[in-house]
Amino acid sequence: MSLSPSLFSVGLAFQCPQCNFTVIKNGSWFQVVSHYKCDGCGREIRITYPDKIAIFQKHAHLATPSGAPESRSVHSG
């Protein structure tokens, strides 16, 4: 699995491997980040490409099918 663009604007969760503090960021953030400072323990946490693949796989059910239009409410008036 690749880093699906359909998840770039979706909030994805990742738990710090040191303290289990959960960070929620858009998929686009995970695509480009290589490390971050955990708000829970203050440690510098490295996010590897295999970590990113696992994050995107975990959230794959949130992806919109490619080519499918986003659902919109249509009001007549």
C-alpha atoms as a PDB file:
ATOM      1  CA  MET A   1       0.000   0.000   0.000  1.00  0.00           C
ATOM      2  CA  SER A   2       1.164   3.517  -0.740  1.00  0.00           C
ATOM      3  CA  LEU A   3       0.353   6.711   1.110  1.00  0.00           C
ATOM      4  CA  SER A   4      -3.081   7.232  -0.390  1.00  0.00           C
ATOM      5  CA  PRO A   5      -3.809  10.839  -1.420  1.00  0.00           C
ATOM      6  CA  SER A   6      -7.444  10.247  -0.448  1.00  0.00           C
ATOM      7  CA  LEU A   7      -6.282  10.320   3.197  1.00  0.00           C
ATOM      8  CA  PHE A   8      -4.224  13.525   2.926  1.00  0.00           C
ATOM      9  CA  SER A   9      -7.069  15.673   4.291  1.00  0.00           C
ATOM     10  CA  VAL A  10      -8.266  13.110   6.847  1.00  0.00           C
ATOM     11  CA  GLY A  11      -7.242  13.190  10.518  1.00  0.00           C
ATOM     12  CA  LEU A  12      -5.075  10.132  11.258  1.00  0.00           C
ATOM     13  CA  ALA A  13      -4.017   8.981  14.734  1.00  0.00           C
ATOM     14  CA  PHE A  14      -0.551   7.885  15.841  1.00  0.00           C
ATOM     15  CA  GLN A  15       0.471   6.841  19.340  1.00  0.00           C
ATOM     16  CA  CYS A  16       3.871   7.780  20.732  1.00  0.00           C
ATOM     17  CA  PRO A  17       5.858   4.557  21.143  1.00  0.00           C
ATOM     18  CA  GLN A  18       7.326   5.944  24.394  1.00  0.00           C
ATOM     19  CA  CYS A  19       4.260   7.183  26.310  1.00  0.00           C
ATOM     20  CA  ASN A  20       1.231   6.228  24.128  1.00  0.00           C
ATOM     21  CA  PHE A  21       0.169   9.884  23.776  1.00  0.00           C
ATOM     22  CA  THR A  22      -2.008  10.117  20.655  1.00  0.00           C
ATOM     23  CA  VAL A  23      -1.379  12.756  18.032  1.00  0.00           C
ATOM     24  CA  ILE A  24      -3.999  13.359  15.338  1.00  0.00           C
ATOM     25  CA  LYS A  25      -2.824  15.047  12.155  1.00  0.00           C
ATOM     26  CA  ASN A  26      -3.927  15.104   8.530  1.00  0.00           C
ATOM     27  CA  GLY A  27      -2.477  12.424   6.290  1.00  0.00           C
ATOM     28  CA  SER A  28      -0.556  15.118   4.406  1.00  0.00           C
ATOM     29  CA  TRP A  29       1.359  15.873   7.626  1.00  0.00           C
ATOM     30  CA  PHE A  30       2.321  12.226   8.019  1.00  0.00           C
ATOM     31  CA  GLN A  31       3.395  12.149   4.372  1.00  0.00           C
ATOM     32  CA  VAL A  32       6.108  14.766   4.902  1.00  0.00           C
ATOM     33  CA  VAL A  33       7.110  14.496   8.569  1.00  0.00           C
ATOM     34  CA  SER A  34      10.141  12.440   9.594  1.00  0.00           C
ATOM     35  CA  HIS A  35      10.080  13.289  13.308  1.00  0.00           C
ATOM     36  CA  TYR A  36       8.151  15.373  15.815  1.00  0.00           C
ATOM     37  CA  LYS A  37       8.286  16.317  19.486  1.00  0.00           C
ATOM     38  CA  CYS A  38       5.693  14.384  21.488  1.00  0.00           C
ATOM     39  CA  ASP A  39       3.345  16.613  23.499  1.00  0.00           C
ATOM     40  CA  GLY A  40       2.987  13.818  26.053  1.00  0.00           C
ATOM     41  CA  CYS A  41       6.572  12.999  27.005  1.00  0.00           C
ATOM     42  CA  GLY A  42       8.550  15.704  25.194  1.00  0.00           C
ATOM     43  CA  ARG A  43      10.743  13.220  23.372  1.00  0.00           C
ATOM     44  CA  GLU A  44      11.734  13.483  19.735  1.00  0.00           C
ATOM     45  CA  ILE A  45       9.816  10.715  17.930  1.00  0.00           C
ATOM     46  CA  ARG A  46      10.970   9.417  14.571  1.00  0.00           C
ATOM     47  CA  ILE A  47       8.342   8.328  12.035  1.00  0.00           C
ATOM     48  CA  THR A  48       9.780   5.980   9.433  1.00  0.00           C
ATOM     49  CA  TYR A  49       8.263   5.127   6.068  1.00  0.00           C
ATOM     50  CA  PRO A  50       7.108   1.702   7.389  1.00  0.00           C
ATOM     51  CA  ASP A  51       5.414   3.593  10.273  1.00  0.00           C
ATOM     52  CA  LYS A  52       3.652   5.807   7.716  1.00  0.00           C
ATOM     53  CA  ILE A  53       2.483   2.779   5.719  1.00  0.00           C
ATOM     54  CA  ALA A  54       1.070   1.246   8.916  1.00  0.00           C
ATOM     55  CA  ILE A  55      -0.731   4.503   9.819  1.00  0.00           C
ATOM     56  CA  PHE A  56      -2.297   4.767   6.360  1.00  0.00           C
ATOM     57  CA  GLN A  57      -3.288   1.074   6.373  1.00  0.00           C
ATOM     58  CA  LYS A  58      -4.913   1.455   9.789  1.00  0.00           C
ATOM     59  CA  HIS A  59      -7.033   4.326   8.462  1.00  0.00           C
ATOM     60  CA  ALA A  60      -7.683   2.940   4.948  1.00  0.00           C
ATOM     61  CA  HIS A  61     -11.396   2.551   5.742  1.00  0.00           C
ATOM     62  CA  LEU A  62     -11.641   6.368   5.888  1.00  0.00           C
ATOM     63  CA  ALA A  63     -10.424   6.834   2.316  1.00  0.00           C
ATOM     64  CA  THR A  64     -12.834   8.010  -0.333  1.00  0.00           C
ATOM     65  CA  PRO A  65     -12.870   5.810  -3.433  1.00  0.00           C
ATOM     66  CA  SER A  66     -10.756   7.442  -6.132  1.00  0.00           C
ATOM     67  CA  GLY A  67     -12.844   9.177  -8.713  1.00  0.00           C
ATOM     68  CA  ALA A  68     -15.937   9.166  -6.520  1.00  0.00           C
ATOM     69  CA  PRO A  69     -17.500  12.572  -5.981  1.00  0.00           C
ATOM     70  CA  GLU A  70     -17.750  13.805  -2.424  1.00  0.00           C
ATOM     71  CA  SER A  71     -21.252  13.591  -1.031  1.00  0.00           C
ATOM     72  CA  ARG A  72     -23.014  16.926  -1.019  1.00  0.00           C
ATOM     73  CA  SER A  73     -26.391  18.088   0.142  1.00  0.00           C
ATOM     74  CA  VAL A  74     -28.530  19.491  -2.616  1.00  0.00           C
ATOM     75  CA  HIS A  75     -31.246  21.925  -1.622  1.00  0.00           C
ATOM     76  CA  SER A  76     -33.902  23.059  -4.016  1.00  0.00           C
ATOM     77  CA  GLY A  77     -35.245  26.446  -3.509  1.00  0.00           C
END
